[in-house]
């Protein structure tokens, strides 16, 4: 039911954009950056505790 049928088929239907589809194209950039930041934080904590 993500794309409901319009009441009047003659008019163009407003197609809802899925939230996941809006984010998926950013994943190859966001995931490595987040992993790098997490590794940096964990390494700094390990050095601080050593």
PDB file of N, CA and C in Angstrom:
ATOM      1  N   UNK A   1       0.820  -1.198   0.000  1.00  0.00           N
ATOM      2  CA  UNK A   1       0.000   0.000   0.000  1.00  0.00           C
ATOM      3  C   UNK A   1       0.861   1.258   0.000  1.00  0.00           C
ATOM      4  N   UNK A   2       2.102   1.140  -0.447  1.00  0.00           N
ATOM      5  CA  UNK A   2       2.962   2.312  -0.498  1.00  0.00           C
ATOM      6  C   UNK A   2       2.552   3.243  -1.632  1.00  0.00           C
ATOM      7  N   UNK A   3       1.964   2.687  -2.692  1.00  0.00           N
ATOM      8  CA  UNK A   3       1.527   3.490  -3.830  1.00  0.00           C
ATOM      9  C   UNK A   3       0.020   3.314  -4.023  1.00  0.00           C
ATOM     10  N   UNK A   4      -0.789   4.073  -3.298  1.00  0.00           N
ATOM     11  CA  UNK A   4      -2.238   3.890  -3.411  1.00  0.00           C
ATOM     12  C   UNK A   4      -2.752   4.331  -4.776  1.00  0.00           C
ATOM     13  N   UNK A   5      -3.824   3.670  -5.211  1.00  0.00           N
ATOM     14  CA  UNK A   5      -4.451   4.025  -6.483  1.00  0.00           C
ATOM     15  C   UNK A   5      -5.225   5.319  -6.307  1.00  0.00           C
ATOM     16  N   UNK A   6      -5.031   6.290  -7.211  1.00  0.00           N
ATOM     17  CA  UNK A   6      -5.778   7.549  -7.081  1.00  0.00           C
ATOM     18  C   UNK A   6      -7.272   7.334  -7.296  1.00  0.00           C
ATOM     19  N   UNK A   7      -8.051   8.235  -6.739  1.00  0.00           N
ATOM     20  CA  UNK A   7      -9.504   8.131  -6.875  1.00  0.00           C
ATOM     21  C   UNK A   7      -9.900   8.315  -8.330  1.00  0.00           C
ATOM     22  N   UNK A   8      -9.311   9.293  -8.982  1.00  0.00           N
ATOM     23  CA  UNK A   8      -9.590   9.541 -10.398  1.00  0.00           C
ATOM     24  C   UNK A   8      -8.349   9.166 -11.205  1.00  0.00           C
ATOM     25  N   UNK A   9      -8.421   8.106 -12.005  1.00  0.00           N
ATOM     26  CA  UNK A   9      -7.237   7.652 -12.734  1.00  0.00           C
ATOM     27  C   UNK A   9      -6.720   8.656 -13.769  1.00  0.00           C
ATOM     28  N   UNK A  10      -7.528   9.638 -14.153  1.00  0.00           N
ATOM     29  CA  UNK A  10      -7.098  10.601 -15.160  1.00  0.00           C
ATOM     30  C   UNK A  10      -6.013  11.529 -14.613  1.00  0.00           C
ATOM     31  N   UNK A  11      -6.054  11.821 -13.345  1.00  0.00           N
ATOM     32  CA  UNK A  11      -5.083  12.735 -12.745  1.00  0.00           C
ATOM     33  C   UNK A  11      -3.816  11.969 -12.361  1.00  0.00           C
ATOM     34  N   UNK A  12      -2.693  12.663 -12.402  1.00  0.00           N
ATOM     35  CA  UNK A  12      -1.436  12.009 -12.046  1.00  0.00           C
ATOM     36  C   UNK A  12      -1.426  11.712 -10.552  1.00  0.00           C
ATOM     37  N   UNK A  13      -0.939  10.547 -10.219  1.00  0.00           N
ATOM     38  CA  UNK A  13      -0.912  10.113  -8.822  1.00  0.00           C
ATOM     39  C   UNK A  13       0.346  10.646  -8.142  1.00  0.00           C
ATOM     40  N   UNK A  14       0.191  11.055  -6.892  1.00  0.00           N
ATOM     41  CA  UNK A  14       1.338  11.478  -6.095  1.00  0.00           C
ATOM     42  C   UNK A  14       1.972  10.223  -5.516  1.00  0.00           C
ATOM     43  N   UNK A  15       3.189   9.909  -5.948  1.00  0.00           N
ATOM     44  CA  UNK A  15       3.860   8.700  -5.500  1.00  0.00           C
ATOM     45  C   UNK A  15       4.712   9.046  -4.276  1.00  0.00           C
ATOM     46  N   UNK A  16       4.468   8.332  -3.184  1.00  0.00           N
ATOM     47  CA  UNK A  16       5.222   8.565  -1.961  1.00  0.00           C
ATOM     48  C   UNK A  16       6.604   7.946  -2.102  1.00  0.00           C
ATOM     49  N   UNK A  17       7.627   8.669  -1.675  1.00  0.00           N
ATOM     50  CA  UNK A  17       8.989   8.147  -1.715  1.00  0.00           C
ATOM     51  C   UNK A  17       9.268   7.434  -0.395  1.00  0.00           C
ATOM     52  N   UNK A  18       9.757   6.234  -0.508  1.00  0.00           N
ATOM     53  CA  UNK A  18      10.062   5.434   0.667  1.00  0.00           C
ATOM     54  C   UNK A  18      11.266   6.028   1.398  1.00  0.00           C
ATOM     55  N   UNK A  19      11.227   6.023   2.712  1.00  0.00           N
ATOM     56  CA  UNK A  19      12.313   6.604   3.502  1.00  0.00           C
ATOM     57  C   UNK A  19      13.618   5.835   3.304  1.00  0.00           C
ATOM     58  N   UNK A  20      13.527   4.525   3.167  1.00  0.00           N
ATOM     59  CA  UNK A  20      14.737   3.718   2.983  1.00  0.00           C
ATOM     60  C   UNK A  20      15.377   4.012   1.634  1.00  0.00           C
ATOM     61  N   UNK A  21      14.545   4.169   0.591  1.00  0.00           N
ATOM     62  CA  UNK A  21      15.078   4.460  -0.737  1.00  0.00           C
ATOM     63  C   UNK A  21      15.789   5.808  -0.775  1.00  0.00           C
ATOM     64  N   UNK A  22      15.404   6.734   0.084  1.00  0.00           N
ATOM     65  CA  UNK A  22      16.061   8.030   0.125  1.00  0.00           C
ATOM     66  C   UNK A  22      17.433   7.993   0.784  1.00  0.00           C
ATOM     67  N   UNK A  23      17.683   6.961   1.585  1.00  0.00           N
ATOM     68  CA  UNK A  23      18.933   6.889   2.341  1.00  0.00           C
ATOM     69  C   UNK A  23      19.932   5.906   1.730  1.00  0.00           C
ATOM     70  N   UNK A  24      19.427   4.922   0.989  1.00  0.00           N
ATOM     71  CA  UNK A  24      20.276   3.827   0.522  1.00  0.00           C
ATOM     72  C   UNK A  24      21.467   4.312  -0.296  1.00  0.00           C
ATOM     73  N   UNK A  25      21.294   5.330  -1.124  1.00  0.00           N
ATOM     74  CA  UNK A  25      22.399   5.777  -1.976  1.00  0.00           C
ATOM     75  C   UNK A  25      23.524   6.442  -1.185  1.00  0.00           C
ATOM     76  N   UNK A  26      23.289   6.794   0.067  1.00  0.00           N
ATOM     77  CA  UNK A  26      24.336   7.388   0.901  1.00  0.00           C
ATOM     78  C   UNK A  26      25.123   6.359   1.701  1.00  0.00           C
ATOM     79  N   UNK A  27      24.653   5.114   1.741  1.00  0.00           N
ATOM     80  CA  UNK A  27      25.284   4.098   2.578  1.00  0.00           C
ATOM     81  C   UNK A  27      26.750   3.843   2.241  1.00  0.00           C
ATOM     82  N   UNK A  28      27.183   3.783   0.973  1.00  0.00           N
ATOM     83  CA  UNK A  28      28.610   3.540   0.720  1.00  0.00           C
ATOM     84  C   UNK A  28      29.519   4.645   1.239  1.00  0.00           C
ATOM     85  N   UNK A  29      28.987   5.813   1.523  1.00  0.00           N
ATOM     86  CA  UNK A  29      29.787   6.912   2.055  1.00  0.00           C
ATOM     87  C   UNK A  29      29.680   6.963   3.576  1.00  0.00           C
ATOM     88  N   UNK A  30      28.478   6.800   4.082  1.00  0.00           N
ATOM     89  CA  UNK A  30      28.231   6.979   5.515  1.00  0.00           C
ATOM     90  C   UNK A  30      28.813   5.830   6.345  1.00  0.00           C
ATOM     91  N   UNK A  31      28.654   4.596   5.889  1.00  0.00           N
ATOM     92  CA  UNK A  31      29.115   3.464   6.698  1.00  0.00           C
ATOM     93  C   UNK A  31      30.628   3.454   6.920  1.00  0.00           C
ATOM     94  N   UNK A  32      31.468   3.649   5.889  1.00  0.00           N
ATOM     95  CA  UNK A  32      32.908   3.690   6.176  1.00  0.00           C
ATOM     96  C   UNK A  32      33.310   4.869   7.058  1.00  0.00           C
ATOM     97  N   UNK A  33      32.672   6.017   6.876  1.00  0.00           N
ATOM     98  CA  UNK A  33      32.990   7.166   7.731  1.00  0.00           C
ATOM     99  C   UNK A  33      32.613   6.889   9.181  1.00  0.00           C
ATOM    100  N   UNK A  34      31.439   6.313   9.381  1.00  0.00           N
ATOM    101  CA  UNK A  34      31.017   5.992  10.746  1.00  0.00           C
ATOM    102  C   UNK A  34      31.938   4.942  11.354  1.00  0.00           C
ATOM    103  N   UNK A  35      32.360   3.958  10.558  1.00  0.00           N
ATOM    104  CA  UNK A  35      33.291   2.949  11.053  1.00  0.00           C
ATOM    105  C   UNK A  35      34.630   3.551  11.433  1.00  0.00           C
ATOM    106  N   UNK A  36      35.118   4.488  10.623  1.00  0.00           N
ATOM    107  CA  UNK A  36      36.379   5.152  10.927  1.00  0.00           C
ATOM    108  C   UNK A  36      36.309   5.966  12.200  1.00  0.00           C
ATOM    109  N   UNK A  37      35.224   6.680  12.380  1.00  0.00           N
ATOM    110  CA  UNK A  37      35.051   7.474  13.605  1.00  0.00           C
ATOM    111  C   UNK A  37      34.954   6.564  14.824  1.00  0.00           C
ATOM    112  N   UNK A  38      34.228   5.466  14.687  1.00  0.00           N
ATOM    113  CA  UNK A  38      34.086   4.538  15.806  1.00  0.00           C
ATOM    114  C   UNK A  38      35.422   3.907  16.169  1.00  0.00           C
ATOM    115  N   UNK A  39      36.219   3.521  15.150  1.00  0.00           N
ATOM    116  CA  UNK A  39      37.539   2.952  15.426  1.00  0.00           C
ATOM    117  C   UNK A  39      38.458   3.979  16.088  1.00  0.00           C
ATOM    118  N   UNK A  40      38.386   5.220  15.654  1.00  0.00           N
ATOM    119  CA  UNK A  40      39.208   6.271  16.258  1.00  0.00           C
ATOM    120  C   UNK A  40      38.828   6.487  17.722  1.00  0.00           C
ATOM    121  N   UNK A  41      37.537   6.519  18.011  1.00  0.00           N
ATOM    122  CA  UNK A  41      37.089   6.685  19.380  1.00  0.00           C
ATOM    123  C   UNK A  41      37.510   5.507  20.255  1.00  0.00           C
ATOM    124  N   UNK A  42      37.331   4.294  19.748  1.00  0.00           N
ATOM    125  CA  UNK A  42      37.713   3.129  20.533  1.00  0.00           C
ATOM    126  C   UNK A  42      39.218   3.068  20.747  1.00  0.00           C
ATOM    127  N   UNK A  43      40.011   3.427  19.752  1.00  0.00           N
ATOM    128  CA  UNK A  43      41.467   3.433  19.908  1.00  0.00           C
ATOM    129  C   UNK A  43      41.895   4.485  20.923  1.00  0.00           C
ATOM    130  N   UNK A  44      41.263   5.652  20.881  1.00  0.00           N
ATOM    131  CA  UNK A  44      41.636   6.693  21.851  1.00  0.00           C
ATOM    132  C   UNK A  44      41.257   6.293  23.274  1.00  0.00           C
ATOM    133  N   UNK A  45      40.133   5.606  23.421  1.00  0.00           N
ATOM    134  CA  UNK A  45      39.761   5.129  24.749  1.00  0.00           C
ATOM    135  C   UNK A  45      40.761   4.060  25.233  1.00  0.00           C
ATOM    136  N   UNK A  46      41.172   3.168  24.316  1.00  0.00           N
ATOM    137  CA  UNK A  46      42.122   2.114  24.689  1.00  0.00           C
ATOM    138  C   UNK A  46      43.462   2.706  25.081  1.00  0.00           C
ATOM    139  N   UNK A  47      43.914   3.723  24.375  1.00  0.00           N
ATOM    140  CA  UNK A  47      45.185   4.375  24.710  1.00  0.00           C
ATOM    141  C   UNK A  47      45.068   5.110  26.041  1.00  0.00           C
ATOM    142  N   UNK A  48      43.922   5.734  26.269  1.00  0.00           N
ATOM    143  CA  UNK A  48      43.710   6.465  27.532  1.00  0.00           C
ATOM    144  C   UNK A  48      43.722   5.517  28.725  1.00  0.00           C
ATOM    145  N   UNK A  49      43.146   4.338  28.559  1.00  0.00           N
ATOM    146  CA  UNK A  49      43.067   3.387  29.664  1.00  0.00           C
ATOM    147  C   UNK A  49      44.370   2.614  29.858  1.00  0.00           C
ATOM    148  N   UNK A  50      45.212   2.554  28.849  1.00  0.00           N
ATOM    149  CA  UNK A  50      46.461   1.760  28.947  1.00  0.00           C
ATOM    150  C   UNK A  50      47.491   2.442  29.835  1.00  0.00           C
TER     151      UNK A  50
END
